[in-house]
Amino acid sequence: MKNSYFAIGEGKCGTTSLNSYLNLHPDIVATKYLNDPKKYKSIAKKYSPKIFIDNSPKYFRTPDIPSFIKSFATNPHMILSLRNPVDRIYSGYHMHIKYNGLKIGSFEEAIQSSYLKMPVNNYYENLLEWYKHFDKQDILIIKAENLFDNPNKILNEIFTFVGVESMEITKSIRMVPHKGDLGKKSHYPPMKKETREWLKEYFKPKNEKLYNLIGRDFNW
């Protein structure tokens, strides 16, 4: 029985770069922002026998998506990229300012508002919902920072997971530069040290719950 594959997020965790890398494999077709699982079967059939991966970052934080995918997809398997939530929320803030015209004041003002409590920041709670519907071995969790630092190693873990041959990707894909602490490489100023420390403490208990759930420590 052929498996179905979904890259479920999270946003600002290297999903755009991952999509580009996956499409460099001759036996994989990945699409970004399909955001319509109903279309999955028809598109997968179109590209068969290649492996089709629906890469839609909003899936992970959307509560009804796990049960919906399970209702129609054949033996679904998921790829989940997670990034240090401190860096992810800072990157997300600047993306919303630039592209969505978000007007919520400074970053420090934003995290004191409801912005910090958005579902995208709840890795543990979101993953629990997915584990209600799928076995842990059916969800490959990758640390986004490892994808940024050593893409070939992570890509070959994914290739094994989806059942295609390993290969070395020699083409360089522009990875996420928006870490906020990389000086000239960053598109926005570094996060204030005291803000980073405050967020680190805020996310610490959440991260610990995530580590206990997945049996891995990402050292965030």
N, C-alpha and C. Protein backbone atom coordinates (compact mmCIF):
# COMPACT_ATOMS: atom_id res chain seq x y z
N MET A 1 0.85 -1.19 0.00
CA MET A 1 0.00 0.00 0.00
C MET A 1 0.89 1.24 0.00
N LYS A 2 0.69 2.12 -0.97
CA LYS A 2 1.52 3.31 -1.09
C LYS A 2 1.18 4.32 -0.02
N ASN A 3 2.23 4.91 0.54
CA ASN A 3 2.04 5.92 1.58
C ASN A 3 1.69 7.28 0.98
N SER A 4 1.11 8.14 1.81
CA SER A 4 0.88 9.54 1.48
C SER A 4 1.80 10.38 2.35
N TYR A 5 2.28 11.50 1.80
CA TYR A 5 3.26 12.30 2.54
C TYR A 5 2.85 13.77 2.60
N PHE A 6 3.04 14.33 3.80
CA PHE A 6 2.70 15.73 4.05
C PHE A 6 3.83 16.36 4.86
N ALA A 7 4.32 17.50 4.42
CA ALA A 7 5.23 18.31 5.23
C ALA A 7 4.36 19.37 5.90
N ILE A 8 4.20 19.26 7.21
CA ILE A 8 3.11 19.97 7.88
C ILE A 8 3.55 21.27 8.58
N GLY A 9 4.80 21.65 8.45
CA GLY A 9 5.23 22.92 9.04
C GLY A 9 6.51 22.75 9.83
N GLU A 10 6.76 23.68 10.67
CA GLU A 10 5.97 24.86 10.99
C GLU A 10 6.47 26.05 10.20
N GLY A 11 5.65 27.09 10.07
CA GLY A 11 6.05 28.29 9.36
C GLY A 11 7.27 28.94 9.98
N LYS A 12 8.13 29.52 9.16
CA LYS A 12 9.38 30.16 9.57
C LYS A 12 10.36 29.15 10.18
N CYS A 13 10.24 27.90 9.74
CA CYS A 13 11.14 26.84 10.21
C CYS A 13 11.87 26.19 9.04
N GLY A 14 12.10 26.95 7.98
CA GLY A 14 12.85 26.44 6.84
C GLY A 14 12.02 25.68 5.83
N THR A 15 10.70 25.80 5.88
CA THR A 15 9.85 25.00 4.99
C THR A 15 9.98 25.38 3.52
N THR A 16 10.22 26.65 3.24
CA THR A 16 10.39 27.06 1.84
C THR A 16 11.67 26.47 1.27
N SER A 17 12.76 26.56 2.03
CA SER A 17 14.02 25.98 1.59
C SER A 17 13.91 24.47 1.46
N LEU A 18 13.23 23.84 2.42
CA LEU A 18 13.04 22.40 2.38
C LEU A 18 12.30 21.99 1.12
N ASN A 19 11.28 22.74 0.76
CA ASN A 19 10.51 22.42 -0.44
C ASN A 19 11.41 22.46 -1.68
N SER A 20 12.27 23.47 -1.76
CA SER A 20 13.18 23.60 -2.90
C SER A 20 14.16 22.43 -2.93
N TYR A 21 14.68 22.06 -1.78
CA TYR A 21 15.62 20.94 -1.72
C TYR A 21 14.95 19.62 -2.13
N LEU A 22 13.75 19.38 -1.63
CA LEU A 22 13.06 18.14 -1.95
C LEU A 22 12.84 17.98 -3.44
N ASN A 23 12.56 19.07 -4.11
CA ASN A 23 12.31 19.01 -5.56
C ASN A 23 13.56 18.76 -6.38
N LEU A 24 14.73 18.78 -5.74
CA LEU A 24 15.96 18.45 -6.45
C LEU A 24 16.15 16.94 -6.57
N HIS A 25 15.38 16.16 -5.80
CA HIS A 25 15.45 14.71 -5.91
C HIS A 25 14.59 14.26 -7.10
N PRO A 26 15.12 13.43 -7.98
CA PRO A 26 14.38 13.04 -9.20
C PRO A 26 13.11 12.24 -8.94
N ASP A 27 12.99 11.67 -7.76
CA ASP A 27 11.82 10.83 -7.47
C ASP A 27 10.82 11.51 -6.54
N ILE A 28 10.97 12.82 -6.34
CA ILE A 28 10.08 13.55 -5.44
C ILE A 28 9.50 14.78 -6.14
N VAL A 29 8.23 15.02 -5.92
CA VAL A 29 7.57 16.27 -6.31
C VAL A 29 6.96 16.86 -5.05
N ALA A 30 7.40 18.05 -4.68
CA ALA A 30 6.86 18.72 -3.50
C ALA A 30 6.24 20.05 -3.92
N THR A 31 5.08 20.34 -3.36
CA THR A 31 4.43 21.61 -3.66
C THR A 31 4.25 22.40 -2.38
N LYS A 32 4.44 23.70 -2.45
CA LYS A 32 4.33 24.56 -1.27
C LYS A 32 2.96 25.23 -1.26
N TYR A 33 2.35 25.24 -0.08
CA TYR A 33 1.08 25.93 0.12
C TYR A 33 -0.06 25.39 -0.74
N LEU A 34 -0.12 24.08 -0.90
CA LEU A 34 -1.31 23.52 -1.53
C LEU A 34 -2.52 23.86 -0.66
N ASN A 35 -2.36 23.66 0.66
CA ASN A 35 -3.39 24.06 1.63
C ASN A 35 -4.78 23.54 1.29
N ASP A 36 -4.82 22.43 0.59
CA ASP A 36 -6.11 21.83 0.25
C ASP A 36 -5.93 20.32 0.14
N PRO A 37 -6.01 19.62 1.26
CA PRO A 37 -5.82 18.17 1.21
C PRO A 37 -6.76 17.46 0.25
N LYS A 38 -7.90 18.08 -0.07
CA LYS A 38 -8.84 17.45 -1.00
C LYS A 38 -8.22 17.24 -2.37
N LYS A 39 -7.26 18.09 -2.73
CA LYS A 39 -6.63 17.99 -4.04
C LYS A 39 -5.47 16.99 -4.05
N TYR A 40 -5.13 16.50 -2.86
CA TYR A 40 -3.92 15.68 -2.74
C TYR A 40 -3.95 14.47 -3.67
N LYS A 41 -5.04 13.71 -3.63
CA LYS A 41 -5.09 12.46 -4.39
C LYS A 41 -4.94 12.69 -5.89
N SER A 42 -5.60 13.70 -6.41
CA SER A 42 -5.54 13.94 -7.85
C SER A 42 -4.15 14.37 -8.28
N ILE A 43 -3.50 15.20 -7.45
CA ILE A 43 -2.15 15.65 -7.81
C ILE A 43 -1.14 14.52 -7.64
N ALA A 44 -1.29 13.73 -6.58
CA ALA A 44 -0.40 12.59 -6.38
C ALA A 44 -0.52 11.60 -7.53
N LYS A 45 -1.73 11.39 -8.02
CA LYS A 45 -1.93 10.49 -9.16
C LYS A 45 -1.27 11.04 -10.41
N LYS A 46 -1.34 12.34 -10.59
CA LYS A 46 -0.74 12.99 -11.75
C LYS A 46 0.76 12.74 -11.82
N TYR A 47 1.43 12.78 -10.67
CA TYR A 47 2.89 12.66 -10.64
C TYR A 47 3.38 11.24 -10.36
N SER A 48 2.48 10.29 -10.12
CA SER A 48 2.87 8.92 -9.86
C SER A 48 3.73 8.39 -11.02
N PRO A 49 4.77 7.59 -10.76
CA PRO A 49 5.12 6.93 -9.49
C PRO A 49 6.02 7.76 -8.57
N LYS A 50 6.27 9.02 -8.90
CA LYS A 50 7.07 9.83 -7.99
C LYS A 50 6.35 10.03 -6.66
N ILE A 51 7.14 10.31 -5.63
CA ILE A 51 6.59 10.61 -4.32
C ILE A 51 6.12 12.05 -4.32
N PHE A 52 4.84 12.26 -4.00
CA PHE A 52 4.30 13.62 -3.93
C PHE A 52 4.20 14.03 -2.47
N ILE A 53 4.72 15.22 -2.16
CA ILE A 53 4.69 15.73 -0.79
C ILE A 53 3.97 17.07 -0.78
N ASP A 54 2.89 17.12 -0.06
CA ASP A 54 2.14 18.37 0.14
C ASP A 54 2.78 19.12 1.29
N ASN A 55 3.43 20.24 0.98
CA ASN A 55 4.17 21.01 1.98
C ASN A 55 3.38 22.27 2.31
N SER A 56 2.61 22.18 3.39
CA SER A 56 1.76 23.30 3.79
C SER A 56 1.98 23.61 5.26
N PRO A 57 2.78 24.64 5.58
CA PRO A 57 3.19 24.92 6.96
C PRO A 57 2.06 25.17 7.95
N LYS A 58 0.90 25.59 7.47
CA LYS A 58 -0.20 25.88 8.40
C LYS A 58 -0.87 24.62 8.92
N TYR A 59 -0.59 23.48 8.31
CA TYR A 59 -1.25 22.25 8.74
C TYR A 59 -0.99 21.95 10.21
N PHE A 60 0.26 22.12 10.67
CA PHE A 60 0.64 21.70 12.01
C PHE A 60 -0.19 22.40 13.09
N ARG A 61 -0.53 23.66 12.88
CA ARG A 61 -1.22 24.44 13.91
C ARG A 61 -2.74 24.43 13.74
N THR A 62 -3.25 23.71 12.73
CA THR A 62 -4.68 23.72 12.44
C THR A 62 -5.32 22.47 13.02
N PRO A 63 -6.14 22.59 14.06
CA PRO A 63 -6.61 21.44 14.84
C PRO A 63 -7.36 20.37 14.06
N ASP A 64 -8.12 20.75 13.02
CA ASP A 64 -8.94 19.74 12.34
C ASP A 64 -8.20 19.04 11.20
N ILE A 65 -6.98 19.46 10.90
CA ILE A 65 -6.24 18.87 9.78
C ILE A 65 -5.83 17.41 10.05
N PRO A 66 -5.33 17.04 11.24
CA PRO A 66 -4.94 15.64 11.44
C PRO A 66 -6.06 14.65 11.16
N SER A 67 -7.23 14.90 11.71
CA SER A 67 -8.34 13.97 11.49
C SER A 67 -8.79 13.99 10.04
N PHE A 68 -8.72 15.17 9.40
CA PHE A 68 -9.14 15.25 8.01
C PHE A 68 -8.19 14.48 7.10
N ILE A 69 -6.89 14.63 7.32
CA ILE A 69 -5.91 13.88 6.53
C ILE A 69 -6.12 12.38 6.72
N LYS A 70 -6.34 11.98 7.95
CA LYS A 70 -6.53 10.56 8.21
C LYS A 70 -7.79 10.02 7.55
N SER A 71 -8.77 10.88 7.32
CA SER A 71 -10.04 10.44 6.75
C SER A 71 -9.94 10.08 5.27
N PHE A 72 -8.94 10.60 4.58
CA PHE A 72 -8.89 10.35 3.13
C PHE A 72 -7.56 9.84 2.61
N ALA A 73 -6.45 10.12 3.33
CA ALA A 73 -5.13 9.77 2.81
C ALA A 73 -4.77 8.33 3.14
N THR A 74 -4.07 7.68 2.23
CA THR A 74 -3.64 6.30 2.40
C THR A 74 -2.34 6.27 3.19
N ASN A 75 -2.39 5.65 4.39
CA ASN A 75 -1.21 5.48 5.22
C ASN A 75 -0.38 6.77 5.29
N PRO A 76 -0.94 7.85 5.80
CA PRO A 76 -0.24 9.14 5.79
C PRO A 76 0.98 9.18 6.70
N HIS A 77 2.03 9.82 6.19
CA HIS A 77 3.25 10.08 6.94
C HIS A 77 3.55 11.57 6.86
N MET A 78 4.06 12.12 7.97
CA MET A 78 4.28 13.56 8.05
C MET A 78 5.74 13.90 8.31
N ILE A 79 6.17 15.04 7.76
CA ILE A 79 7.49 15.61 8.02
C ILE A 79 7.25 16.94 8.73
N LEU A 80 7.86 17.10 9.90
CA LEU A 80 7.65 18.30 10.70
C LEU A 80 8.98 18.94 11.04
N SER A 81 9.15 20.19 10.64
CA SER A 81 10.35 20.95 10.96
C SER A 81 10.02 21.95 12.06
N LEU A 82 10.80 21.91 13.14
CA LEU A 82 10.60 22.81 14.27
C LEU A 82 11.88 23.59 14.54
N ARG A 83 11.72 24.87 14.80
CA ARG A 83 12.83 25.79 15.04
C ARG A 83 12.73 26.35 16.46
N ASN A 84 13.85 26.75 17.02
CA ASN A 84 13.82 27.43 18.31
C ASN A 84 12.70 28.46 18.29
N PRO A 85 11.71 28.32 19.19
CA PRO A 85 10.55 29.21 19.13
C PRO A 85 10.90 30.69 19.35
N VAL A 86 12.01 30.95 20.03
CA VAL A 86 12.45 32.34 20.21
C VAL A 86 12.80 32.96 18.86
N ASP A 87 13.56 32.22 18.05
CA ASP A 87 13.93 32.71 16.73
C ASP A 87 12.74 32.70 15.77
N ARG A 88 11.90 31.67 15.93
CA ARG A 88 10.76 31.57 15.02
C ARG A 88 9.80 32.74 15.20
N ILE A 89 9.49 33.09 16.44
CA ILE A 89 8.53 34.16 16.66
C ILE A 89 9.09 35.52 16.22
N TYR A 90 10.39 35.70 16.38
CA TYR A 90 11.02 36.96 15.94
C TYR A 90 10.99 37.06 14.41
N SER A 91 11.31 35.96 13.75
CA SER A 91 11.25 35.93 12.29
C SER A 91 9.83 36.14 11.80
N GLY A 92 8.87 35.49 12.48
CA GLY A 92 7.47 35.64 12.09
C GLY A 92 6.97 37.06 12.26
N TYR A 93 7.38 37.71 13.33
CA TYR A 93 7.00 39.11 13.57
C TYR A 93 7.45 40.00 12.41
N HIS A 94 8.71 39.87 12.02
CA HIS A 94 9.22 40.72 10.94
C HIS A 94 8.60 40.37 9.59
N MET A 95 8.28 39.10 9.38
CA MET A 95 7.60 38.73 8.14
C MET A 95 6.23 39.39 8.06
N HIS A 96 5.50 39.37 9.18
CA HIS A 96 4.16 39.97 9.19
C HIS A 96 4.22 41.48 9.03
N ILE A 97 5.25 42.10 9.58
CA ILE A 97 5.43 43.54 9.40
C ILE A 97 5.68 43.87 7.93
N LYS A 98 6.55 43.08 7.31
CA LYS A 98 6.98 43.36 5.94
C LYS A 98 5.92 43.04 4.91
N TYR A 99 5.30 41.87 5.03
CA TYR A 99 4.41 41.39 3.97
C TYR A 99 2.93 41.58 4.28
N ASN A 100 2.56 41.59 5.54
CA ASN A 100 1.15 41.65 5.90
C ASN A 100 0.73 42.98 6.49
N GLY A 101 1.69 43.89 6.64
CA GLY A 101 1.36 45.20 7.17
C GLY A 101 0.88 45.16 8.61
N LEU A 102 1.37 44.16 9.37
CA LEU A 102 0.95 44.03 10.76
C LEU A 102 1.35 45.27 11.55
N LYS A 103 0.42 45.80 12.32
CA LYS A 103 0.68 47.00 13.11
C LYS A 103 0.37 46.71 14.58
N ILE A 104 1.38 46.21 15.26
CA ILE A 104 1.20 45.88 16.69
C ILE A 104 2.34 46.46 17.51
N GLY A 105 2.96 47.52 17.02
CA GLY A 105 4.02 48.16 17.77
C GLY A 105 5.33 47.43 17.66
N SER A 106 6.20 47.66 18.63
CA SER A 106 7.51 47.03 18.65
C SER A 106 7.37 45.53 18.94
N PHE A 107 8.45 44.80 18.73
CA PHE A 107 8.43 43.37 19.02
C PHE A 107 8.14 43.14 20.50
N GLU A 108 8.73 43.96 21.35
CA GLU A 108 8.50 43.83 22.78
C GLU A 108 7.03 44.07 23.13
N GLU A 109 6.40 45.02 22.46
CA GLU A 109 4.97 45.26 22.68
C GLU A 109 4.14 44.08 22.17
N ALA A 110 4.57 43.52 21.05
CA ALA A 110 3.83 42.41 20.44
C ALA A 110 3.80 41.18 21.35
N ILE A 111 4.94 40.85 21.95
CA ILE A 111 4.98 39.63 22.75
C ILE A 111 4.29 39.80 24.11
N GLN A 112 3.94 41.01 24.44
CA GLN A 112 3.15 41.23 25.64
C GLN A 112 1.66 41.23 25.34
N SER A 113 1.34 41.07 24.06
CA SER A 113 -0.06 41.02 23.64
C SER A 113 -0.43 39.58 23.30
N SER A 114 -1.50 39.40 22.59
CA SER A 114 -1.96 38.06 22.22
C SER A 114 -1.05 37.40 21.18
N TYR A 115 -0.12 38.16 20.60
CA TYR A 115 0.77 37.60 19.57
C TYR A 115 1.55 36.39 20.09
N LEU A 116 1.94 36.45 21.34
CA LEU A 116 2.72 35.35 21.92
C LEU A 116 1.88 34.10 22.12
N LYS A 117 0.57 34.27 22.24
CA LYS A 117 -0.31 33.15 22.54
C LYS A 117 -0.95 32.52 21.30
N MET A 118 -0.49 32.94 20.12
CA MET A 118 -1.04 32.38 18.89
C MET A 118 -0.70 30.89 18.79
N PRO A 119 -1.57 30.09 18.15
CA PRO A 119 -1.34 28.64 18.07
C PRO A 119 0.01 28.24 17.48
N VAL A 120 0.56 29.07 16.61
CA VAL A 120 1.84 28.74 15.97
C VAL A 120 2.95 28.59 17.00
N ASN A 121 2.80 29.18 18.18
CA ASN A 121 3.84 29.12 19.20
C ASN A 121 3.67 27.95 20.17
N ASN A 122 2.69 27.10 19.94
CA ASN A 122 2.38 26.01 20.87
C ASN A 122 2.79 24.66 20.30
N TYR A 123 4.08 24.43 20.17
CA TYR A 123 4.56 23.17 19.59
C TYR A 123 4.02 21.95 20.32
N TYR A 124 4.12 21.95 21.63
CA TYR A 124 3.73 20.78 22.41
C TYR A 124 2.25 20.47 22.23
N GLU A 125 1.40 21.47 22.41
CA GLU A 125 -0.03 21.26 22.30
C GLU A 125 -0.43 20.82 20.88
N ASN A 126 0.20 21.42 19.89
CA ASN A 126 -0.12 21.06 18.51
C ASN A 126 0.30 19.62 18.19
N LEU A 127 1.47 19.24 18.68
CA LEU A 127 1.94 17.87 18.41
C LEU A 127 1.07 16.84 19.13
N LEU A 128 0.61 17.17 20.31
CA LEU A 128 -0.29 16.26 21.02
C LEU A 128 -1.52 15.93 20.17
N GLU A 129 -2.05 16.92 19.49
CA GLU A 129 -3.22 16.71 18.65
C GLU A 129 -2.90 15.75 17.51
N TRP A 130 -1.72 15.89 16.92
CA TRP A 130 -1.34 14.98 15.84
C TRP A 130 -1.13 13.56 16.37
N TYR A 131 -0.59 13.44 17.57
CA TYR A 131 -0.35 12.12 18.14
C TYR A 131 -1.65 11.41 18.54
N LYS A 132 -2.74 12.14 18.60
CA LYS A 132 -4.03 11.50 18.84
C LYS A 132 -4.47 10.68 17.63
N HIS A 133 -3.95 11.03 16.47
CA HIS A 133 -4.40 10.43 15.22
C HIS A 133 -3.35 9.56 14.53
N PHE A 134 -2.08 9.79 14.86
CA PHE A 134 -0.99 9.07 14.17
C PHE A 134 0.03 8.56 15.17
N ASP A 135 0.65 7.44 14.83
CA ASP A 135 1.73 6.91 15.64
C ASP A 135 2.96 7.81 15.52
N LYS A 136 3.77 7.81 16.56
CA LYS A 136 4.95 8.68 16.56
C LYS A 136 5.88 8.37 15.39
N GLN A 137 6.00 7.11 15.01
CA GLN A 137 6.91 6.76 13.92
C GLN A 137 6.42 7.26 12.56
N ASP A 138 5.18 7.72 12.52
CA ASP A 138 4.64 8.23 11.26
C ASP A 138 4.90 9.72 11.08
N ILE A 139 5.51 10.36 12.08
CA ILE A 139 5.82 11.78 11.99
C ILE A 139 7.32 11.96 12.20
N LEU A 140 8.02 12.31 11.14
CA LEU A 140 9.46 12.56 11.22
C LEU A 140 9.66 14.01 11.65
N ILE A 141 10.27 14.20 12.83
CA ILE A 141 10.49 15.55 13.35
C ILE A 141 11.95 15.92 13.14
N ILE A 142 12.17 17.02 12.45
CA ILE A 142 13.53 17.49 12.21
C ILE A 142 13.73 18.82 12.92
N LYS A 143 14.93 19.02 13.42
CA LYS A 143 15.31 20.28 14.04
C LYS A 143 15.74 21.22 12.93
N ALA A 144 15.04 22.34 12.78
CA ALA A 144 15.29 23.24 11.66
C ALA A 144 16.73 23.72 11.62
N GLU A 145 17.32 23.97 12.78
CA GLU A 145 18.70 24.44 12.83
C GLU A 145 19.65 23.43 12.20
N ASN A 146 19.35 22.13 12.33
CA ASN A 146 20.18 21.10 11.70
C ASN A 146 20.02 21.13 10.18
N LEU A 147 18.81 21.44 9.72
CA LEU A 147 18.59 21.59 8.29
C LEU A 147 19.40 22.76 7.75
N PHE A 148 19.43 23.87 8.50
CA PHE A 148 20.19 25.04 8.07
C PHE A 148 21.69 24.74 8.02
N ASP A 149 22.18 23.99 9.02
CA ASP A 149 23.62 23.78 9.17
C ASP A 149 24.15 22.62 8.32
N ASN A 150 23.34 21.58 8.16
CA ASN A 150 23.79 20.39 7.44
C ASN A 150 22.64 19.81 6.63
N PRO A 151 22.26 20.51 5.55
CA PRO A 151 21.07 20.09 4.80
C PRO A 151 21.14 18.68 4.25
N ASN A 152 22.30 18.24 3.78
CA ASN A 152 22.38 16.91 3.19
C ASN A 152 22.07 15.81 4.20
N LYS A 153 22.55 15.97 5.42
CA LYS A 153 22.28 14.96 6.45
C LYS A 153 20.78 14.85 6.72
N ILE A 154 20.13 15.98 6.88
CA ILE A 154 18.70 15.98 7.16
C ILE A 154 17.90 15.52 5.96
N LEU A 155 18.30 15.96 4.78
CA LEU A 155 17.58 15.54 3.57
C LEU A 155 17.63 14.04 3.39
N ASN A 156 18.77 13.42 3.67
CA ASN A 156 18.86 11.98 3.50
C ASN A 156 18.06 11.23 4.56
N GLU A 157 17.86 11.83 5.73
CA GLU A 157 16.92 11.25 6.69
C GLU A 157 15.50 11.28 6.12
N ILE A 158 15.17 12.37 5.46
CA ILE A 158 13.85 12.48 4.85
C ILE A 158 13.72 11.52 3.68
N PHE A 159 14.75 11.41 2.86
CA PHE A 159 14.70 10.50 1.71
C PHE A 159 14.47 9.06 2.17
N THR A 160 15.14 8.68 3.24
CA THR A 160 14.92 7.33 3.81
C THR A 160 13.49 7.19 4.31
N PHE A 161 12.99 8.21 4.96
CA PHE A 161 11.64 8.21 5.53
C PHE A 161 10.57 8.02 4.44
N VAL A 162 10.76 8.66 3.28
CA VAL A 162 9.75 8.57 2.22
C VAL A 162 10.05 7.44 1.24
N GLY A 163 11.17 6.75 1.42
CA GLY A 163 11.44 5.57 0.62
C GLY A 163 12.06 5.81 -0.73
N VAL A 164 12.90 6.83 -0.85
CA VAL A 164 13.64 7.05 -2.10
C VAL A 164 15.13 6.92 -1.81
N GLU A 165 15.92 6.78 -2.86
CA GLU A 165 17.35 6.58 -2.70
C GLU A 165 18.01 7.83 -2.11
N SER A 166 19.02 7.60 -1.30
CA SER A 166 19.80 8.71 -0.78
C SER A 166 20.60 9.34 -1.90
N MET A 167 20.87 10.61 -1.77
CA MET A 167 21.70 11.31 -2.74
C MET A 167 22.26 12.57 -2.10
N GLU A 168 23.37 13.04 -2.64
CA GLU A 168 23.96 14.27 -2.16
C GLU A 168 23.49 15.43 -3.01
N ILE A 169 22.93 16.44 -2.37
CA ILE A 169 22.48 17.63 -3.07
C ILE A 169 23.65 18.61 -3.14
N THR A 170 24.08 18.93 -4.34
CA THR A 170 25.22 19.83 -4.49
C THR A 170 24.80 21.27 -4.73
N LYS A 171 23.56 21.46 -5.17
CA LYS A 171 23.08 22.82 -5.38
C LYS A 171 22.82 23.49 -4.04
N SER A 172 23.25 24.73 -3.93
CA SER A 172 23.04 25.47 -2.67
C SER A 172 21.72 26.21 -2.73
N ILE A 173 20.88 25.95 -1.73
CA ILE A 173 19.60 26.64 -1.61
C ILE A 173 19.74 27.70 -0.53
N ARG A 174 19.22 28.88 -0.80
CA ARG A 174 19.27 29.96 0.19
C ARG A 174 18.45 29.57 1.41
N MET A 175 19.14 29.37 2.51
CA MET A 175 18.46 28.98 3.73
C MET A 175 18.00 30.22 4.49
N VAL A 176 17.23 29.99 5.54
CA VAL A 176 16.64 31.09 6.30
C VAL A 176 17.74 31.97 6.88
N PRO A 177 17.82 33.25 6.46
CA PRO A 177 18.84 34.13 7.01
C PRO A 177 18.32 34.99 8.15
N HIS A 178 17.06 34.80 8.49
CA HIS A 178 16.39 35.75 9.40
C HIS A 178 16.55 35.36 10.87
N LYS A 179 17.76 35.18 11.31
CA LYS A 179 17.96 34.79 12.71
C LYS A 179 18.00 35.99 13.64
N GLY A 180 18.13 37.17 13.09
CA GLY A 180 18.08 38.36 13.92
C GLY A 180 19.35 38.61 14.71
N ASP A 181 20.30 37.70 14.66
CA ASP A 181 21.54 37.88 15.41
C ASP A 181 22.75 37.64 14.50
N LEU A 182 22.58 37.80 13.21
CA LEU A 182 23.65 37.51 12.27
C LEU A 182 24.22 38.75 11.61
N GLY A 183 23.95 39.90 12.19
CA GLY A 183 24.54 41.12 11.65
C GLY A 183 24.16 41.38 10.22
N LYS A 184 25.14 41.47 9.34
CA LYS A 184 24.91 41.83 7.96
C LYS A 184 24.11 40.78 7.19
N LYS A 185 24.07 39.55 7.70
CA LYS A 185 23.33 38.51 7.01
C LYS A 185 21.83 38.57 7.30
N SER A 186 21.45 39.33 8.28
CA SER A 186 20.06 39.39 8.68
C SER A 186 19.33 40.54 8.00
N HIS A 187 18.04 40.35 7.78
CA HIS A 187 17.22 41.38 7.15
C HIS A 187 16.61 42.33 8.16
N TYR A 188 16.91 42.13 9.42
CA TYR A 188 16.37 43.00 10.45
C TYR A 188 17.35 43.02 11.62
N PRO A 189 17.22 43.99 12.52
CA PRO A 189 18.20 44.14 13.60
C PRO A 189 18.16 42.99 14.59
N PRO A 190 19.25 42.77 15.30
CA PRO A 190 19.28 41.71 16.31
C PRO A 190 18.23 41.93 17.39
N MET A 191 17.75 40.83 17.93
CA MET A 191 16.82 40.91 19.04
C MET A 191 17.56 41.45 20.26
N LYS A 192 16.89 42.26 21.05
CA LYS A 192 17.49 42.77 22.27
C LYS A 192 17.84 41.60 23.20
N LYS A 193 19.00 41.68 23.82
CA LYS A 193 19.47 40.59 24.67
C LYS A 193 18.48 40.27 25.78
N GLU A 194 17.94 41.31 26.41
CA GLU A 194 17.02 41.08 27.52
C GLU A 194 15.70 40.47 27.03
N THR A 195 15.31 40.81 25.79
CA THR A 195 14.10 40.22 25.22
C THR A 195 14.31 38.75 24.93
N ARG A 196 15.48 38.43 24.38
CA ARG A 196 15.79 37.02 24.10
C ARG A 196 15.80 36.20 25.39
N GLU A 197 16.39 36.75 26.44
CA GLU A 197 16.44 36.02 27.71
C GLU A 197 15.04 35.83 28.29
N TRP A 198 14.20 36.85 28.15
CA TRP A 198 12.83 36.74 28.66
C TRP A 198 12.06 35.66 27.90
N LEU A 199 12.20 35.64 26.58
CA LEU A 199 11.52 34.64 25.76
C LEU A 199 12.07 33.24 26.03
N LYS A 200 13.37 33.16 26.22
CA LYS A 200 13.96 31.85 26.52
C LYS A 200 13.36 31.26 27.78
N GLU A 201 13.16 32.09 28.80
CA GLU A 201 12.56 31.61 30.04
C GLU A 201 11.07 31.30 29.84
N TYR A 202 10.40 32.09 29.00
CA TYR A 202 8.98 31.86 28.73
C TYR A 202 8.78 30.50 28.06
N PHE A 203 9.63 30.20 27.08
CA PHE A 203 9.45 28.96 26.32
C PHE A 203 10.09 27.75 27.00
N LYS A 204 10.89 27.96 28.02
CA LYS A 204 11.62 26.84 28.64
C LYS A 204 10.69 25.71 29.09
N PRO A 205 9.64 25.97 29.87
CA PRO A 205 8.77 24.86 30.28
C PRO A 205 8.03 24.23 29.10
N LYS A 206 7.69 25.03 28.12
CA LYS A 206 7.03 24.50 26.92
C LYS A 206 7.97 23.57 26.16
N ASN A 207 9.24 23.99 26.04
CA ASN A 207 10.22 23.16 25.35
C ASN A 207 10.47 21.86 26.09
N GLU A 208 10.53 21.93 27.42
CA GLU A 208 10.75 20.72 28.20
C GLU A 208 9.62 19.71 28.00
N LYS A 209 8.40 20.19 27.92
CA LYS A 209 7.27 19.30 27.67
C LYS A 209 7.38 18.67 26.28
N LEU A 210 7.83 19.46 25.32
CA LEU A 210 8.03 18.93 23.97
C LEU A 210 9.11 17.87 23.97
N TYR A 211 10.24 18.13 24.62
CA TYR A 211 11.34 17.17 24.66
C TYR A 211 10.89 15.85 25.29
N ASN A 212 10.13 15.94 26.36
CA ASN A 212 9.64 14.73 27.01
C ASN A 212 8.70 13.95 26.11
N LEU A 213 7.92 14.67 25.33
CA LEU A 213 6.96 14.02 24.44
C LEU A 213 7.65 13.28 23.31
N ILE A 214 8.69 13.87 22.73
CA ILE A 214 9.33 13.27 21.56
C ILE A 214 10.58 12.47 21.92
N GLY A 215 11.03 12.58 23.17
CA GLY A 215 12.22 11.84 23.58
C GLY A 215 13.51 12.38 23.03
N ARG A 216 13.53 13.68 22.75
CA ARG A 216 14.73 14.35 22.22
C ARG A 216 14.86 15.72 22.83
N ASP A 217 16.10 16.16 23.02
CA ASP A 217 16.36 17.49 23.56
C ASP A 217 17.00 18.34 22.47
N PHE A 218 16.31 19.38 22.04
CA PHE A 218 16.82 20.24 20.98
C PHE A 218 17.73 21.35 21.51
N ASN A 219 17.89 21.41 22.81
CA ASN A 219 18.82 22.37 23.43
C ASN A 219 18.49 23.80 23.03
N TRP A 220 17.24 24.16 23.07
CA TRP A 220 16.82 25.53 22.78
C TRP A 220 16.85 26.37 24.05
